[in-house]
């Protein structure tokens, strides 16, 4: 995705630092995008239960190939993290008013 699009340019201009990756195919598109994003300096989170491959073996192979380039967190935990983050930010912003 990154070498063939303006995605990195857009994300940097929006000051994005973290990416949550899902998709298919785990051992192909997802893995290459994760590696590219990490190489570009993004903090990458992969959601394994929101990724798919043509076989379980391929899925596992893709996840193993991404080790060191990202962290892996299941869908439920990602939702919890986002909910807590926005709750804390909302509470902080309310105290500033």
N, C-alpha and C. Protein backbone atom coordinates (compact mmCIF):
# COMPACT_ATOMS: atom_id res chain seq x y z
N UNK A 1 0.82 -1.19 0.00
CA UNK A 1 0.00 0.00 0.00
C UNK A 1 0.86 1.26 0.00
N UNK A 2 1.85 1.33 0.87
CA UNK A 2 2.62 2.57 1.01
C UNK A 2 3.44 2.93 -0.23
N UNK A 3 4.15 1.98 -0.85
CA UNK A 3 4.96 2.36 -2.01
C UNK A 3 4.14 2.82 -3.23
N UNK A 4 2.90 2.38 -3.33
CA UNK A 4 2.13 2.67 -4.55
C UNK A 4 1.02 3.70 -4.35
N UNK A 5 0.98 4.35 -3.18
CA UNK A 5 -0.07 5.34 -2.91
C UNK A 5 0.50 6.54 -2.18
N UNK A 6 -0.35 7.53 -1.93
CA UNK A 6 0.02 8.71 -1.14
C UNK A 6 -0.35 8.54 0.33
N UNK A 7 -0.62 7.33 0.76
CA UNK A 7 -1.10 7.09 2.11
C UNK A 7 -0.15 7.64 3.18
N UNK A 8 1.13 7.38 3.04
CA UNK A 8 2.09 7.88 4.03
C UNK A 8 2.05 9.41 4.11
N UNK A 9 2.01 10.06 2.98
CA UNK A 9 1.93 11.52 2.92
C UNK A 9 0.69 12.04 3.65
N UNK A 10 -0.44 11.42 3.39
CA UNK A 10 -1.70 11.83 4.03
C UNK A 10 -1.65 11.60 5.54
N UNK A 11 -1.22 10.40 5.95
CA UNK A 11 -1.16 10.09 7.37
C UNK A 11 -0.22 11.01 8.12
N UNK A 12 0.93 11.30 7.55
CA UNK A 12 1.90 12.19 8.22
C UNK A 12 1.34 13.60 8.34
N UNK A 13 0.65 14.07 7.31
CA UNK A 13 0.05 15.41 7.37
C UNK A 13 -1.08 15.49 8.38
N UNK A 14 -1.68 14.35 8.70
CA UNK A 14 -2.72 14.28 9.73
C UNK A 14 -2.11 13.98 11.10
N UNK A 15 -0.78 13.87 11.17
CA UNK A 15 -0.05 13.59 12.40
C UNK A 15 -0.42 12.23 13.01
N UNK A 16 -0.71 11.28 12.17
CA UNK A 16 -1.02 9.92 12.62
C UNK A 16 0.29 9.22 12.97
N UNK A 17 0.32 8.59 14.14
CA UNK A 17 1.51 7.87 14.59
C UNK A 17 1.26 6.39 14.78
N UNK A 18 0.00 6.01 15.00
CA UNK A 18 -0.34 4.62 15.28
C UNK A 18 -1.35 4.11 14.25
N UNK A 19 -1.18 2.86 13.87
CA UNK A 19 -2.10 2.22 12.93
C UNK A 19 -2.58 0.90 13.50
N UNK A 20 -3.84 0.60 13.29
CA UNK A 20 -4.42 -0.69 13.66
C UNK A 20 -4.72 -1.41 12.35
N UNK A 21 -4.10 -2.57 12.17
CA UNK A 21 -4.23 -3.32 10.91
C UNK A 21 -5.15 -4.52 11.05
N UNK A 22 -6.03 -4.64 10.08
CA UNK A 22 -6.89 -5.80 9.92
C UNK A 22 -6.94 -6.10 8.44
N UNK A 23 -7.47 -7.25 8.06
CA UNK A 23 -7.66 -7.49 6.63
C UNK A 23 -7.32 -8.89 6.21
N UNK A 24 -7.21 -9.02 4.91
CA UNK A 24 -6.84 -10.28 4.32
C UNK A 24 -5.93 -9.98 3.15
N UNK A 25 -5.05 -10.73 2.91
CA UNK A 25 -4.60 -11.99 3.43
C UNK A 25 -3.48 -11.75 4.43
N UNK A 26 -3.57 -12.39 5.58
CA UNK A 26 -2.63 -12.17 6.68
C UNK A 26 -1.18 -12.31 6.23
N UNK A 27 -0.89 -13.35 5.49
CA UNK A 27 0.49 -13.66 5.09
C UNK A 27 0.94 -12.93 3.84
N UNK A 28 0.10 -12.08 3.30
CA UNK A 28 0.47 -11.36 2.09
C UNK A 28 0.26 -9.87 2.29
N UNK A 29 -0.92 -9.38 1.98
CA UNK A 29 -1.19 -7.94 2.04
C UNK A 29 -0.99 -7.36 3.44
N UNK A 30 -1.55 -8.02 4.44
CA UNK A 30 -1.43 -7.50 5.81
C UNK A 30 0.03 -7.47 6.24
N UNK A 31 0.72 -8.57 6.04
CA UNK A 31 2.12 -8.63 6.48
C UNK A 31 2.99 -7.58 5.78
N UNK A 32 2.84 -7.43 4.48
CA UNK A 32 3.68 -6.45 3.78
C UNK A 32 3.34 -5.02 4.20
N UNK A 33 2.08 -4.74 4.44
CA UNK A 33 1.69 -3.40 4.87
C UNK A 33 2.21 -3.12 6.28
N UNK A 34 2.15 -4.11 7.15
CA UNK A 34 2.68 -3.95 8.51
C UNK A 34 4.17 -3.65 8.47
N UNK A 35 4.90 -4.41 7.68
CA UNK A 35 6.35 -4.20 7.59
C UNK A 35 6.67 -2.80 7.04
N UNK A 36 5.96 -2.41 5.98
CA UNK A 36 6.18 -1.08 5.41
C UNK A 36 5.87 0.02 6.41
N UNK A 37 4.75 -0.12 7.12
CA UNK A 37 4.35 0.89 8.10
C UNK A 37 5.38 0.99 9.22
N UNK A 38 5.84 -0.14 9.71
CA UNK A 38 6.86 -0.13 10.76
C UNK A 38 8.15 0.51 10.26
N UNK A 39 8.54 0.19 9.05
CA UNK A 39 9.75 0.78 8.47
C UNK A 39 9.63 2.30 8.33
N UNK A 40 8.40 2.78 8.15
CA UNK A 40 8.17 4.22 8.03
C UNK A 40 8.01 4.90 9.39
N UNK A 41 8.08 4.12 10.46
CA UNK A 41 8.06 4.71 11.79
C UNK A 41 6.73 4.70 12.51
N UNK A 42 5.73 4.04 11.96
CA UNK A 42 4.44 3.95 12.64
C UNK A 42 4.49 2.89 13.74
N UNK A 43 3.73 3.11 14.80
CA UNK A 43 3.51 2.11 15.84
C UNK A 43 2.32 1.29 15.36
N UNK A 44 2.55 0.03 15.04
CA UNK A 44 1.54 -0.80 14.37
C UNK A 44 0.98 -1.84 15.33
N UNK A 45 -0.35 -1.95 15.31
CA UNK A 45 -1.05 -2.99 16.05
C UNK A 45 -1.79 -3.85 15.03
N UNK A 46 -1.60 -5.16 15.11
CA UNK A 46 -2.32 -6.10 14.25
C UNK A 46 -3.38 -6.79 15.10
N UNK A 47 -4.55 -6.94 14.53
CA UNK A 47 -5.66 -7.61 15.21
C UNK A 47 -5.86 -8.97 14.55
N UNK A 48 -5.24 -10.02 15.09
CA UNK A 48 -5.24 -11.33 14.43
C UNK A 48 -6.63 -11.91 14.19
N UNK A 49 -7.56 -11.66 15.12
CA UNK A 49 -8.89 -12.23 14.93
C UNK A 49 -9.74 -11.39 13.97
N UNK A 50 -9.15 -10.34 13.41
CA UNK A 50 -9.80 -9.55 12.38
C UNK A 50 -9.01 -9.63 11.07
N UNK A 51 -8.17 -10.65 10.97
CA UNK A 51 -7.41 -10.93 9.75
C UNK A 51 -7.76 -12.34 9.28
N UNK A 52 -7.51 -12.61 8.02
CA UNK A 52 -7.80 -13.93 7.48
C UNK A 52 -6.79 -14.29 6.41
N UNK A 53 -6.64 -15.58 6.21
CA UNK A 53 -5.78 -16.11 5.14
C UNK A 53 -6.50 -17.29 4.52
N UNK A 54 -5.88 -17.85 3.51
CA UNK A 54 -6.51 -18.99 2.81
C UNK A 54 -6.50 -20.26 3.64
N UNK A 55 -5.63 -20.30 4.65
CA UNK A 55 -5.59 -21.45 5.55
C UNK A 55 -5.09 -20.98 6.91
N UNK A 56 -5.35 -21.77 7.92
CA UNK A 56 -4.85 -21.45 9.26
C UNK A 56 -3.33 -21.41 9.26
N UNK A 57 -2.73 -22.31 8.53
CA UNK A 57 -1.26 -22.35 8.44
C UNK A 57 -0.72 -21.04 7.85
N UNK A 58 -1.35 -20.54 6.81
CA UNK A 58 -0.92 -19.29 6.19
C UNK A 58 -1.14 -18.11 7.13
N UNK A 59 -2.24 -18.13 7.86
CA UNK A 59 -2.54 -17.08 8.83
C UNK A 59 -1.45 -17.03 9.90
N UNK A 60 -1.13 -18.18 10.47
CA UNK A 60 -0.11 -18.27 11.50
C UNK A 60 1.26 -17.86 10.95
N UNK A 61 1.56 -18.29 9.74
CA UNK A 61 2.83 -17.92 9.11
C UNK A 61 2.94 -16.40 8.96
N UNK A 62 1.86 -15.77 8.55
CA UNK A 62 1.86 -14.31 8.41
C UNK A 62 2.06 -13.62 9.74
N UNK A 63 1.38 -14.09 10.78
CA UNK A 63 1.54 -13.50 12.11
C UNK A 63 2.96 -13.66 12.61
N UNK A 64 3.55 -14.82 12.37
CA UNK A 64 4.94 -15.04 12.79
C UNK A 64 5.89 -14.13 12.02
N UNK A 65 5.59 -13.90 10.76
CA UNK A 65 6.43 -13.03 9.94
C UNK A 65 6.39 -11.57 10.34
N UNK A 66 5.35 -11.19 11.08
CA UNK A 66 5.20 -9.80 11.52
C UNK A 66 5.81 -9.54 12.88
N UNK A 67 6.20 -10.59 13.60
CA UNK A 67 6.78 -10.41 14.94
C UNK A 67 7.97 -9.46 14.84
N UNK A 68 8.05 -8.54 15.75
CA UNK A 68 9.13 -7.58 15.74
C UNK A 68 8.78 -6.31 15.00
N UNK A 69 7.73 -6.35 14.19
CA UNK A 69 7.30 -5.18 13.44
C UNK A 69 6.04 -4.55 14.03
N UNK A 70 5.36 -5.30 14.92
CA UNK A 70 4.08 -4.83 15.44
C UNK A 70 3.76 -5.52 16.75
N UNK A 71 2.71 -5.07 17.37
CA UNK A 71 2.16 -5.80 18.50
C UNK A 71 0.86 -6.42 18.03
N UNK A 72 0.44 -7.48 18.67
CA UNK A 72 -0.82 -8.13 18.30
C UNK A 72 -1.78 -8.04 19.48
N UNK A 73 -2.99 -7.62 19.19
CA UNK A 73 -4.02 -7.42 20.20
C UNK A 73 -5.35 -7.86 19.59
N UNK A 74 -6.14 -8.62 20.35
CA UNK A 74 -7.42 -9.08 19.79
C UNK A 74 -8.43 -7.93 19.72
N UNK A 75 -9.50 -8.15 18.98
CA UNK A 75 -10.49 -7.11 18.73
C UNK A 75 -11.06 -6.53 20.03
N UNK A 76 -11.42 -7.40 20.94
CA UNK A 76 -12.03 -6.93 22.19
C UNK A 76 -11.09 -5.99 22.94
N UNK A 77 -9.81 -6.32 22.98
CA UNK A 77 -8.85 -5.48 23.70
C UNK A 77 -8.60 -4.16 22.98
N UNK A 78 -8.60 -4.17 21.65
CA UNK A 78 -8.45 -2.92 20.90
C UNK A 78 -9.63 -2.00 21.21
N UNK A 79 -10.83 -2.54 21.20
CA UNK A 79 -12.01 -1.73 21.52
C UNK A 79 -11.92 -1.17 22.93
N UNK A 80 -11.49 -2.00 23.88
CA UNK A 80 -11.31 -1.53 25.26
C UNK A 80 -10.29 -0.40 25.33
N UNK A 81 -9.17 -0.56 24.64
CA UNK A 81 -8.13 0.48 24.65
C UNK A 81 -8.67 1.79 24.08
N UNK A 82 -9.35 1.71 22.96
CA UNK A 82 -9.88 2.92 22.33
C UNK A 82 -10.95 3.57 23.19
N UNK A 83 -11.79 2.77 23.79
CA UNK A 83 -12.83 3.30 24.67
C UNK A 83 -12.21 4.01 25.86
N UNK A 84 -11.23 3.39 26.50
CA UNK A 84 -10.57 4.00 27.65
C UNK A 84 -9.83 5.27 27.25
N UNK A 85 -9.17 5.23 26.11
CA UNK A 85 -8.41 6.40 25.68
C UNK A 85 -9.32 7.59 25.46
N UNK A 86 -10.42 7.37 24.76
CA UNK A 86 -11.32 8.48 24.49
C UNK A 86 -12.04 8.92 25.75
N UNK A 87 -12.31 8.02 26.66
CA UNK A 87 -12.95 8.40 27.92
C UNK A 87 -12.01 9.30 28.72
N UNK A 88 -10.74 8.97 28.76
CA UNK A 88 -9.76 9.78 29.49
C UNK A 88 -9.59 11.13 28.81
N UNK A 89 -9.50 11.14 27.48
CA UNK A 89 -9.35 12.41 26.76
C UNK A 89 -10.59 13.27 26.93
N UNK A 90 -11.78 12.67 26.86
CA UNK A 90 -13.02 13.42 27.04
C UNK A 90 -13.07 14.05 28.43
N UNK A 91 -12.72 13.26 29.44
CA UNK A 91 -12.72 13.77 30.81
C UNK A 91 -11.73 14.92 30.96
N UNK A 92 -10.56 14.78 30.37
CA UNK A 92 -9.55 15.84 30.44
C UNK A 92 -10.04 17.10 29.76
N UNK A 93 -10.61 16.94 28.57
CA UNK A 93 -11.10 18.11 27.82
C UNK A 93 -12.24 18.82 28.55
N UNK A 94 -13.06 18.08 29.27
CA UNK A 94 -14.16 18.68 30.02
C UNK A 94 -13.63 19.52 31.17
N UNK A 95 -12.52 19.11 31.77
CA UNK A 95 -11.96 19.88 32.90
C UNK A 95 -11.28 21.16 32.41
N UNK A 96 -10.92 21.21 31.15
CA UNK A 96 -10.26 22.40 30.60
C UNK A 96 -11.26 23.51 30.25
N UNK A 97 -12.54 23.14 30.16
CA UNK A 97 -13.55 24.13 29.76
C UNK A 97 -13.93 25.05 30.87
